C-alpha atoms as a PDB file:
ATOM      1  CA  UNK A   1     -86.058 -56.574   1.947  1.00  0.00           C
ATOM      2  CA  UNK A   2     -83.737 -56.428   4.954  1.00  0.00           C
ATOM      3  CA  UNK A   3     -81.692 -53.371   5.904  1.00  0.00           C
ATOM      4  CA  UNK A   4     -78.946 -54.185   8.429  1.00  0.00           C
ATOM      5  CA  UNK A   5     -77.345 -51.376  10.442  1.00  0.00           C
ATOM      6  CA  UNK A   6     -74.505 -51.154  12.943  1.00  0.00           C
ATOM      7  CA  UNK A   7     -75.702 -49.156  15.946  1.00  0.00           C
ATOM      8  CA  UNK A   8     -73.994 -46.371  17.874  1.00  0.00           C
ATOM      9  CA  UNK A   9     -76.088 -44.624  20.503  1.00  0.00           C
ATOM     10  CA  UNK A  10     -75.293 -41.014  21.425  1.00  0.00           C
ATOM     11  CA  UNK A  11     -77.167 -40.120  24.642  1.00  0.00           C
ATOM     12  CA  UNK A  12     -76.967 -36.382  23.860  1.00  0.00           C
ATOM     13  CA  UNK A  13     -79.278 -36.991  20.875  1.00  0.00           C
ATOM     14  CA  UNK A  14     -82.133 -38.132  23.130  1.00  0.00           C
ATOM     15  CA  UNK A  15     -84.470 -36.405  25.547  1.00  0.00           C
ATOM     16  CA  UNK A  16     -84.500 -38.113  28.927  1.00  0.00           C
ATOM     17  CA  UNK A  17     -83.167 -41.630  29.246  1.00  0.00           C
ATOM     18  CA  UNK A  18     -85.208 -43.392  26.517  1.00  0.00           C
ATOM     19  CA  UNK A  19     -81.932 -44.231  24.738  1.00  0.00           C
ATOM     20  CA  UNK A  20     -81.123 -46.718  27.538  1.00  0.00           C
ATOM     21  CA  UNK A  21     -83.428 -49.359  26.066  1.00  0.00           C
ATOM     22  CA  UNK A  22     -81.173 -49.498  22.960  1.00  0.00           C
ATOM     23  CA  UNK A  23     -77.686 -48.798  24.340  1.00  0.00           C
ATOM     24  CA  UNK A  24     -76.781 -52.483  24.765  1.00  0.00           C
ATOM     25  CA  UNK A  25     -77.463 -53.277  21.082  1.00  0.00           C
ATOM     26  CA  UNK A  26     -74.769 -53.142  18.405  1.00  0.00           C
ATOM     27  CA  UNK A  27     -76.822 -54.073  15.304  1.00  0.00           C
ATOM     28  CA  UNK A  28     -80.337 -53.728  13.944  1.00  0.00           C
ATOM     29  CA  UNK A  29     -82.227 -55.350  11.062  1.00  0.00           C
ATOM     30  CA  UNK A  30     -85.177 -53.470   9.591  1.00  0.00           C
ATOM     31  CA  UNK A  31     -87.213 -56.195   7.875  1.00  0.00           C
ATOM     32  CA  UNK A  32     -89.682 -54.866   5.297  1.00  0.00           C
ATOM     33  CA  UNK A  33     -92.320 -57.193   3.865  1.00  0.00           C
ATOM     34  CA  UNK A  34     -93.222 -55.572   0.537  1.00  0.00           C
ATOM     35  CA  UNK A  35     -96.203 -56.071  -1.730  1.00  0.00           C
ATOM     36  CA  UNK A  36     -95.097 -57.905  -4.887  1.00  0.00           C
ATOM     37  CA  UNK A  37     -96.854 -55.829  -7.538  1.00  0.00           C
ATOM     38  CA  UNK A  38     -96.804 -52.488  -5.794  1.00  0.00           C
ATOM     39  CA  UNK A  39     -94.874 -49.289  -6.452  1.00  0.00           C
ATOM     40  CA  UNK A  40     -91.395 -49.190  -4.927  1.00  0.00           C
ATOM     41  CA  UNK A  41     -89.056 -46.265  -5.544  1.00  0.00           C
ATOM     42  CA  UNK A  42     -85.270 -46.129  -5.042  1.00  0.00           C
ATOM     43  CA  UNK A  43     -83.562 -42.772  -5.708  1.00  0.00           C
ATOM     44  CA  UNK A  44     -80.084 -41.374  -5.240  1.00  0.00           C
ATOM     45  CA  UNK A  45     -79.935 -37.579  -4.935  1.00  0.00           C
ATOM     46  CA  UNK A  46     -76.887 -35.300  -5.041  1.00  0.00           C
ATOM     47  CA  UNK A  47     -76.211 -32.438  -2.685  1.00  0.00           C
ATOM     48  CA  UNK A  48     -76.976 -29.051  -4.190  1.00  0.00           C
ATOM     49  CA  UNK A  49     -74.130 -27.297  -5.922  1.00  0.00           C
ATOM     50  CA  UNK A  50     -73.238 -23.587  -5.610  1.00  0.00           C
ATOM     51  CA  UNK A  51     -76.058 -22.758  -8.065  1.00  0.00           C
ATOM     52  CA  UNK A  52     -78.677 -24.597  -6.013  1.00  0.00           C
ATOM     53  CA  UNK A  53     -79.021 -27.413  -8.562  1.00  0.00           C
ATOM     54  CA  UNK A  54     -79.034 -31.095  -7.765  1.00  0.00           C
ATOM     55  CA  UNK A  55     -79.149 -34.337  -9.710  1.00  0.00           C
ATOM     56  CA  UNK A  56     -81.022 -37.525  -9.078  1.00  0.00           C
ATOM     57  CA  UNK A  57     -81.268 -41.025 -10.462  1.00  0.00           C
ATOM     58  CA  UNK A  58     -84.014 -43.605 -10.042  1.00  0.00           C
ATOM     59  CA  UNK A  59     -82.999 -47.245  -9.671  1.00  0.00           C
ATOM     60  CA  UNK A  60     -84.745 -50.601  -9.897  1.00  0.00           C
ATOM     61  CA  UNK A  61     -84.729 -52.751  -6.767  1.00  0.00           C
ATOM     62  CA  UNK A  62     -81.928 -54.946  -8.153  1.00  0.00           C
ATOM     63  CA  UNK A  63     -79.827 -51.901  -9.159  1.00  0.00           C
ATOM     64  CA  UNK A  64     -80.359 -50.365  -5.712  1.00  0.00           C
ATOM     65  CA  UNK A  65     -79.321 -53.531  -3.846  1.00  0.00           C
ATOM     66  CA  UNK A  66     -76.205 -53.831  -6.004  1.00  0.00           C
ATOM     67  CA  UNK A  67     -75.316 -50.137  -5.617  1.00  0.00           C
ATOM     68  CA  UNK A  68     -75.933 -49.895  -1.867  1.00  0.00           C
ATOM     69  CA  UNK A  69     -73.964 -53.090  -1.201  1.00  0.00           C
ATOM     70  CA  UNK A  70     -70.984 -51.501  -2.980  1.00  0.00           C
ATOM     71  CA  UNK A  71     -71.119 -48.086  -1.303  1.00  0.00           C
ATOM     72  CA  UNK A  72     -68.130 -46.879   0.708  1.00  0.00           C
ATOM     73  CA  UNK A  73     -70.604 -46.056   3.503  1.00  0.00           C
ATOM     74  CA  UNK A  74     -74.386 -46.013   3.837  1.00  0.00           C
ATOM     75  CA  UNK A  75     -75.878 -44.610   7.036  1.00  0.00           C
ATOM     76  CA  UNK A  76     -79.460 -44.631   8.254  1.00  0.00           C
ATOM     77  CA  UNK A  77     -80.847 -41.111   8.673  1.00  0.00           C
ATOM     78  CA  UNK A  78     -84.585 -41.466   9.132  1.00  0.00           C
ATOM     79  CA  UNK A  79     -87.723 -43.411   8.303  1.00  0.00           C
ATOM     80  CA  UNK A  80     -91.415 -42.580   8.261  1.00  0.00           C
ATOM     81  CA  UNK A  81     -94.415 -44.875   7.912  1.00  0.00           C
ATOM     82  CA  UNK A  82     -97.845 -43.780   6.717  1.00  0.00           C
ATOM     83  CA  UNK A  83    -100.500 -46.482   6.172  1.00  0.00           C
ATOM     84  CA  UNK A  84     -98.756 -48.976   3.866  1.00  0.00           C
ATOM     85  CA  UNK A  85     -96.053 -46.567   2.650  1.00  0.00           C
ATOM     86  CA  UNK A  86     -92.595 -46.621   4.219  1.00  0.00           C
ATOM     87  CA  UNK A  87     -90.066 -43.873   3.467  1.00  0.00           C
ATOM     88  CA  UNK A  88     -86.414 -44.433   4.347  1.00  0.00           C
ATOM     89  CA  UNK A  89     -83.564 -41.950   4.011  1.00  0.00           C
ATOM     90  CA  UNK A  90     -79.914 -42.983   3.916  1.00  0.00           C
ATOM     91  CA  UNK A  91     -76.712 -40.991   3.645  1.00  0.00           C
ATOM     92  CA  UNK A  92     -74.508 -42.630   0.984  1.00  0.00           C
ATOM     93  CA  UNK A  93     -70.853 -42.203   0.110  1.00  0.00           C
ATOM     94  CA  UNK A  94     -69.027 -43.586  -2.925  1.00  0.00           C
ATOM     95  CA  UNK A  95     -65.685 -41.999  -2.020  1.00  0.00           C
ATOM     96  CA  UNK A  96     -63.466 -44.654  -3.593  1.00  0.00           C
ATOM     97  CA  UNK A  97     -65.937 -46.007  -6.173  1.00  0.00           C
ATOM     98  CA  UNK A  98     -64.546 -47.322  -9.428  1.00  0.00           C
ATOM     99  CA  UNK A  99     -65.885 -48.767 -12.695  1.00  0.00           C
ATOM    100  CA  UNK A 100     -69.701 -48.983 -12.788  1.00  0.00           C
ATOM    101  CA  UNK A 101     -70.038 -47.470  -9.281  1.00  0.00           C
ATOM    102  CA  UNK A 102     -68.026 -44.335 -10.130  1.00  0.00           C
ATOM    103  CA  UNK A 103     -71.227 -42.708 -11.481  1.00  0.00           C
ATOM    104  CA  UNK A 104     -72.644 -42.679  -7.917  1.00  0.00           C
ATOM    105  CA  UNK A 105     -69.844 -40.477  -6.476  1.00  0.00           C
ATOM    106  CA  UNK A 106     -71.879 -37.289  -6.852  1.00  0.00           C
ATOM    107  CA  UNK A 107     -74.793 -38.629  -4.804  1.00  0.00           C
ATOM    108  CA  UNK A 108     -75.055 -38.117  -1.055  1.00  0.00           C
ATOM    109  CA  UNK A 109     -78.639 -39.103  -0.174  1.00  0.00           C
ATOM    110  CA  UNK A 110     -80.726 -42.169  -0.946  1.00  0.00           C
ATOM    111  CA  UNK A 111     -84.520 -41.855  -0.695  1.00  0.00           C
ATOM    112  CA  UNK A 112     -86.495 -45.093  -0.655  1.00  0.00           C
ATOM    113  CA  UNK A 113     -90.279 -45.345  -0.788  1.00  0.00           C
ATOM    114  CA  UNK A 114     -91.724 -48.828  -0.356  1.00  0.00           C
ATOM    115  CA  UNK A 115     -95.233 -50.243  -0.286  1.00  0.00           C
ATOM    116  CA  UNK A 116     -94.900 -52.284   2.875  1.00  0.00           C
ATOM    117  CA  UNK A 117     -97.232 -54.885   4.308  1.00  0.00           C
ATOM    118  CA  UNK A 118     -95.262 -55.109   7.555  1.00  0.00           C
ATOM    119  CA  UNK A 119     -92.066 -53.691   9.067  1.00  0.00           C
ATOM    120  CA  UNK A 120     -90.269 -55.334  11.985  1.00  0.00           C
ATOM    121  CA  UNK A 121     -87.073 -54.435  13.820  1.00  0.00           C
ATOM    122  CA  UNK A 122     -84.623 -57.024  15.105  1.00  0.00           C
ATOM    123  CA  UNK A 123     -82.179 -55.549  17.646  1.00  0.00           C
ATOM    124  CA  UNK A 124     -79.118 -57.589  18.666  1.00  0.00           C
END
C-alpha cells in the first residue's frame, strides 16, 4: 500500500534545524509492504459531539482506498511503528461529499493499523 503526501515544512514546528533535510522536498510516498493474511484495520472516527459521544466505522482495505481517494482532503497527522505493527493517523474531510461518500461527512479522523513487513519513505 502506498500513501502519497504533498509536503509543506513549517520550521517553527521543529527543534533546531533538523527540518532543513526535508525542506527541498514537495512530495513523499510512504510505501508499506503488508503481510497478506495478517490483520489490517481501517477506521474512520468522528469528532466528539457536545455530549462527549463519537461514532466510528470500520472499513475493508478496498472500501478504505475508495473512500480516502474520494475525500475532499486527507492530511497526514502521525505514524508509529512497533515491531511489525504500523499505526497511521490521518485527518479526513468530506466537506462536499455526495452519494455514497456523504455518509463519511461526520468523520474527521482516520486510524489505520497495518501488519507491515517493511516501510520505506520516498522523498521527492
